Protein backbone atom coordinates (compact mmCIF):
# COMPACT_ATOMS: atom_id res chain seq x y z
CA MET A 1 111.50 -33.37 69.02
CA GLU A 2 109.38 -36.26 70.14
CA LEU A 3 107.41 -33.97 72.50
CA GLN A 4 106.68 -31.55 69.64
CA GLU A 5 105.35 -34.33 67.47
CA GLN A 6 103.10 -35.49 70.28
CA PHE A 7 101.86 -31.91 70.77
CA GLU A 8 101.05 -31.54 67.08
CA GLY A 9 99.18 -34.87 67.20
CA LEU A 10 97.16 -33.69 70.19
CA ALA A 11 96.25 -30.49 68.36
CA GLY A 12 94.92 -32.56 65.46
CA ILE A 13 92.87 -34.67 67.84
CA GLU A 14 91.39 -31.56 69.44
CA LYS A 15 90.44 -30.18 66.02
CA ALA A 16 88.81 -33.46 65.06
CA LEU A 17 86.93 -33.46 68.39
CA ARG A 18 85.63 -29.92 67.75
CA ASP A 19 84.48 -30.90 64.26
CA PHE A 20 82.75 -33.95 65.66
CA ASN A 21 81.01 -31.89 68.35
CA ASN A 22 79.81 -29.39 65.71
CA LYS A 23 78.45 -32.19 63.55
CA TYR A 24 76.83 -33.78 66.57
CA SER A 25 75.20 -30.49 67.51
CA ILE A 26 73.84 -30.01 63.97
CA THR A 27 72.61 -33.59 63.80
CA ASN A 28 70.99 -33.32 67.21
CA ASN A 29 69.18 -30.14 66.15
CA GLN A 30 67.92 -31.89 63.03
CA LYS A 31 66.78 -34.80 65.18
CA GLN A 32 64.84 -32.50 67.48
CA THR A 33 63.24 -30.80 64.50
CA ILE A 34 62.20 -34.18 63.06
CA LEU A 35 60.85 -35.28 66.43
CA GLY A 36 58.85 -32.06 66.59
CA HIS A 37 57.31 -32.85 63.18
CA GLN A 38 56.47 -36.40 64.20
CA ALA A 39 53.90 -35.38 66.81
CA PRO A 40 51.25 -34.00 64.42
CA LEU A 41 51.96 -36.86 62.00
CA LYS A 42 51.28 -39.36 64.75
CA ASP A 43 48.02 -37.56 65.53
CA SER A 44 47.05 -37.72 61.85
CA ILE A 45 47.86 -41.43 61.75
CA LYS A 46 45.73 -42.09 64.83
CA LYS A 47 42.86 -40.09 63.31
CA ALA A 48 43.15 -42.02 60.04
CA GLN A 49 43.19 -45.30 61.93
CA ARG A 50 39.98 -44.32 63.74
CA GLN A 51 38.36 -43.36 60.41
CA LEU A 52 39.33 -46.72 58.94
CA LEU A 53 37.24 -48.35 61.61
CA GLU A 54 34.09 -46.48 60.49
CA SER A 55 31.48 -48.47 58.54
CA ASN A 56 31.46 -46.24 55.46
CA ILE A 57 35.23 -46.59 55.08
CA GLN A 58 35.14 -50.35 55.66
CA ASN A 59 32.54 -50.57 52.84
CA ALA A 60 34.45 -48.18 50.59
CA VAL A 61 35.21 -50.75 47.91
CA GLU A 62 31.62 -51.94 47.75
CA ASN A 63 30.34 -48.33 47.71
CA TYR A 64 32.77 -47.48 44.91
CA ARG A 65 31.52 -50.42 42.82
CA ASP A 66 27.90 -49.31 43.35
CA LYS A 67 28.60 -45.70 42.37
CA TYR A 68 30.66 -46.71 39.37
CA SER A 69 27.88 -49.03 38.20
CA GLU A 70 25.36 -46.22 38.66
CA LYS A 71 27.58 -43.85 36.64
CA CYS A 72 27.86 -46.34 33.77
CA LEU A 73 24.09 -46.94 33.84
CA ASN A 74 23.35 -43.21 33.70
CA GLU A 75 25.70 -42.78 30.75
CA GLU A 76 23.93 -45.56 28.83
CA MET A 77 20.53 -44.13 29.73
CA SER A 78 21.66 -40.71 28.50
CA LYS A 79 22.70 -42.23 25.18
CA ASP A 80 19.33 -44.00 24.85
CA LEU A 81 17.47 -40.78 25.65
CA GLU A 82 19.40 -38.94 22.95
CA ILE A 83 18.37 -41.62 20.45
CA TYR A 84 14.73 -41.51 21.58
CA THR A 85 14.70 -37.71 21.46
CA LYS A 86 16.00 -37.70 17.90
CA CYS A 87 13.39 -40.29 16.89
CA LEU A 88 10.64 -38.19 18.50
CA ASP A 89 11.88 -35.04 16.77
CA ASP A 90 11.89 -36.81 13.42
CA ALA A 91 8.38 -38.15 14.06
CA ILE A 92 7.10 -34.67 14.99
CA ILE A 93 8.64 -33.15 11.87
CA SER A 94 7.14 -35.88 9.70
CA PHE A 95 3.74 -35.47 11.37
CA HIS A 96 3.88 -31.71 10.85
CA SER A 97 4.76 -32.09 7.17
CA LEU A 98 1.92 -34.55 6.54
CA LYS A 99 -0.66 -32.39 8.32
CA MET A 100 0.44 -29.19 6.56
CA GLU A 101 0.24 -30.96 3.21
CA ARG A 102 -3.27 -32.18 4.00
CA ILE A 103 -4.37 -28.71 5.19
CA ASN A 104 -3.13 -27.07 1.99
CA ILE A 105 -4.89 -29.68 -0.17
CA ILE A 106 -8.18 -28.93 1.60
CA LEU A 107 -7.58 -25.17 1.29
CA GLN A 108 -7.00 -25.44 -2.44
CA GLU A 109 -10.16 -27.51 -2.86
CA LEU A 110 -12.27 -25.12 -0.75
CA TRP A 111 -10.93 -21.98 -2.40
CA SER A 112 -11.59 -23.23 -5.93
CA THR A 113 -15.11 -24.24 -4.90
CA VAL A 114 -16.15 -21.21 -2.84
CA TYR A 115 -14.25 -18.19 -4.21
CA ASP A 116 -16.06 -16.58 -7.16
CA GLY A 117 -13.21 -14.33 -8.31
CA ASN A 118 -10.46 -15.14 -10.80
CA ASP A 119 -7.60 -13.03 -9.44
CA ILE A 120 -6.44 -15.49 -6.77
CA GLU A 121 -5.95 -19.06 -7.94
CA ALA A 122 -5.44 -20.66 -4.53
CA ILE A 123 -4.32 -19.99 -0.97
CA ARG A 124 -2.08 -22.04 1.28
CA ILE A 125 -0.34 -21.90 4.64
CA LYS A 126 3.42 -21.62 4.39
CA SER A 127 5.60 -22.82 7.26
CA ASP A 128 9.27 -21.91 7.51
CA PRO A 129 11.56 -23.55 10.11
CA VAL A 130 13.01 -21.24 12.76
CA GLY A 131 16.74 -21.47 13.48
CA GLY A 132 19.05 -24.31 12.51
CA SER A 133 18.40 -28.00 12.03
CA ASP A 134 18.36 -28.58 15.78
CA LYS A 135 15.31 -26.28 16.13
CA ARG A 136 13.15 -27.57 13.29
CA LYS A 137 10.19 -28.06 15.65
CA SER A 138 9.59 -24.28 15.65
CA TYR A 139 8.00 -22.65 12.61
CA ASN A 140 6.93 -19.27 11.30
CA TYR A 141 3.54 -19.48 9.61
CA SER A 142 2.14 -17.19 6.94
CA VAL A 143 -0.85 -17.28 4.58
CA VAL A 144 0.09 -16.94 0.92
CA MET A 145 -1.93 -16.69 -2.28
CA ILE A 146 -1.14 -17.96 -5.75
CA VAL A 147 -1.51 -15.25 -8.39
CA ASP A 148 -0.49 -16.02 -11.99
CA GLY A 149 1.41 -19.01 -10.70
CA LYS A 150 3.45 -16.92 -8.26
CA GLU A 151 3.34 -17.13 -4.48
CA LEU A 152 2.63 -13.88 -2.63
CA GLU A 153 1.86 -13.14 0.99
CA MET A 154 -1.80 -12.20 1.51
CA ARG A 155 -0.98 -9.66 4.22
CA ASP A 156 -1.66 -6.14 2.90
CA ARG A 157 -2.36 -7.53 -0.59
CA CYS A 158 -5.97 -8.72 -0.33
CA SER A 159 -9.37 -7.17 0.32
CA ALA A 160 -11.30 -7.42 3.58
CA GLY A 161 -13.72 -9.92 2.02
CA GLN A 162 -10.87 -12.13 0.78
CA LYS A 163 -9.27 -11.92 4.19
CA VAL A 164 -12.49 -13.02 5.92
CA LEU A 165 -13.00 -15.86 3.46
CA ALA A 166 -9.41 -17.06 3.85
CA SER A 167 -9.79 -17.00 7.64
CA ILE A 168 -12.99 -19.07 7.48
CA LEU A 169 -11.54 -21.62 5.06
CA ILE A 170 -8.37 -22.00 7.15
CA ARG A 171 -10.51 -22.74 10.21
CA ILE A 172 -12.45 -25.35 8.25
CA ALA A 173 -9.26 -26.98 6.99
CA LEU A 174 -7.76 -27.06 10.48
CA ALA A 175 -10.99 -28.53 11.87
CA GLU A 176 -11.11 -31.26 9.21
CA VAL A 177 -7.50 -32.25 9.79
CA PHE A 178 -7.34 -32.06 13.58
CA ALA A 179 -10.98 -32.41 14.68
CA ALA A 180 -12.67 -34.62 12.12
CA SER A 181 -15.05 -36.03 14.73
CA CYS A 182 -16.44 -32.54 15.52
CA PRO A 183 -17.31 -30.85 12.19
CA ILE A 184 -18.80 -27.66 13.64
CA LEU A 185 -17.79 -24.23 12.40
CA ALA A 186 -18.74 -21.26 14.61
CA LEU A 187 -18.37 -17.76 13.18
CA ASP A 188 -18.63 -14.71 15.43
CA GLU A 189 -19.47 -11.53 13.51
CA PRO A 190 -17.82 -12.62 10.21
CA THR A 191 -18.96 -9.48 8.35
CA THR A 192 -17.62 -6.83 10.73
CA ASN A 193 -16.38 -3.71 8.86
CA LEU A 194 -17.55 -5.05 5.47
CA ASP A 195 -19.69 -3.07 3.04
CA VAL A 196 -22.96 -4.29 1.52
CA ASP A 197 -21.40 -5.90 -1.56
CA LYS A 198 -18.80 -7.76 0.48
CA ILE A 199 -21.49 -8.99 2.88
CA ASP A 200 -23.35 -10.40 -0.12
CA ASN A 201 -20.14 -12.09 -1.30
CA ILE A 202 -19.52 -13.63 2.11
CA GLY A 203 -23.12 -14.85 2.27
CA HIS A 204 -22.90 -16.48 -1.17
CA MET A 205 -19.48 -17.98 -0.35
CA LEU A 206 -20.83 -19.50 2.87
CA THR A 207 -23.77 -20.87 0.90
CA ARG A 208 -21.46 -22.56 -1.61
CA LEU A 209 -19.34 -23.82 1.26
CA ILE A 210 -22.32 -25.48 2.92
CA GLU A 211 -23.44 -26.94 -0.41
CA SER A 212 -19.97 -28.34 -1.12
CA ARG A 213 -19.59 -29.87 2.35
CA GLY A 214 -23.16 -31.14 2.66
CA ASP A 215 -23.67 -33.09 5.88
CA HIS A 216 -19.97 -32.88 6.78
CA ILE A 217 -20.19 -29.48 8.41
CA GLN A 218 -22.53 -27.69 10.79
CA LEU A 219 -22.40 -23.91 10.58
CA VAL A 220 -23.15 -21.69 13.58
CA VAL A 221 -23.19 -17.94 12.84
CA ILE A 222 -23.36 -15.30 15.58
CA THR A 223 -24.08 -11.92 14.03
CA HIS A 224 -25.99 -8.64 14.25
CA ASP A 225 -25.99 -8.39 10.46
CA LYS A 226 -29.58 -8.90 9.29
CA GLN A 227 -28.47 -8.87 5.66
CA LEU A 228 -26.21 -11.89 6.23
CA VAL A 229 -28.93 -13.65 8.23
CA SER A 230 -31.41 -13.14 5.39
CA LEU A 231 -28.97 -14.47 2.80
CA LEU A 232 -28.13 -17.56 4.84
CA HIS A 233 -31.79 -18.12 5.69
CA LEU A 234 -32.79 -18.05 2.02
CA SER A 235 -30.01 -20.38 0.93
CA CYS A 236 -29.88 -22.81 3.85
CA ARG A 237 -33.54 -22.84 4.89
CA PRO A 238 -32.94 -23.53 8.60
CA GLU A 239 -35.88 -24.75 10.64
CA TYR A 240 -35.35 -22.03 13.25
CA VAL A 241 -33.45 -18.77 13.73
CA TYR A 242 -32.51 -17.82 17.27
CA GLY A 243 -32.47 -14.22 18.46
CA LEU A 244 -31.00 -12.83 21.67
CA SER A 245 -32.51 -9.64 23.07
CA LYS A 246 -33.03 -7.77 26.31
CA ASN A 247 -36.31 -6.73 27.85
CA GLU A 248 -37.10 -3.47 29.60
CA TYR A 249 -35.37 -4.79 32.72
CA SER A 250 -32.11 -5.51 30.77
CA VAL A 251 -32.65 -9.24 31.22
CA SER A 252 -31.38 -11.30 28.27
CA LYS A 253 -33.96 -13.45 26.55
CA LEU A 254 -33.50 -16.07 23.83
CA LYS A 255 -36.22 -16.34 21.17
CA ARG A 256 -36.67 -18.95 18.50
CA HIS A 257 -38.19 -17.74 15.24
CA THR A 258 -39.59 -19.81 12.42
CA ARG A 259 -38.89 -17.08 9.85
CA ILE A 260 -36.96 -13.83 9.53
CA GLY A 261 -38.82 -10.90 11.05
CA ASP A 262 -41.07 -13.12 13.13
CA THR A 263 -41.29 -11.63 16.63
CA GLN A 264 -43.27 -14.47 18.12
CA ASP A 265 -41.59 -16.11 21.08
CA VAL A 266 -41.64 -19.82 20.23
CA TYR A 267 -40.25 -20.83 23.63
């Protein structure tokens, strides 16, 4: 009986020993796995330690402060630029409004003085903003006329003579507003495609224009239209009239005449 008990106790010890050996084997395998993972980690640590010795890493805190300060400065500069941009936009819009108002005042004055008809009361330049409020610096421009107190676009609603006159007066208004120190108006073939009556009208309108502006404007007309030249010569009485011609060798020659029809070469 005693021997049986001892045998049963030995069997329990053997079972416990087998369990222990199994656990030891599992634990040892886990240890070897961990040791295998440690090798690359140690290499990474050594690499990181070498990087920590580099100058840029040693100055990392100082470099971070510099970059952060630069970032904050750029943000403040960006805010200031937005404010300055808005102020500039507002100034441009205000400048544009003032100049357009002045141009239209001059146009109304010129039209009432020069135009001899009674169908068009006045002309003006209309400017409409393009896009939303953030694009108010872009405009669409159109020339409109006032007829019976109503505003109509001149395009396809006016005669050729009215169109020529409006074009000339707009140039004068633009010159007075933006180039007051250079009051010279040059017209190149202003009576092209106009009939005899309309040429007379343009000539008389230019005469009234010169009379109304006096010494404030110098008119230069380049034209082949002898009828217009005669009208302007009679009304303005210029000291000389210049003619450009070609000789038999197709060489251009400039002649100064004291009167219309004079062929004498003054030069």
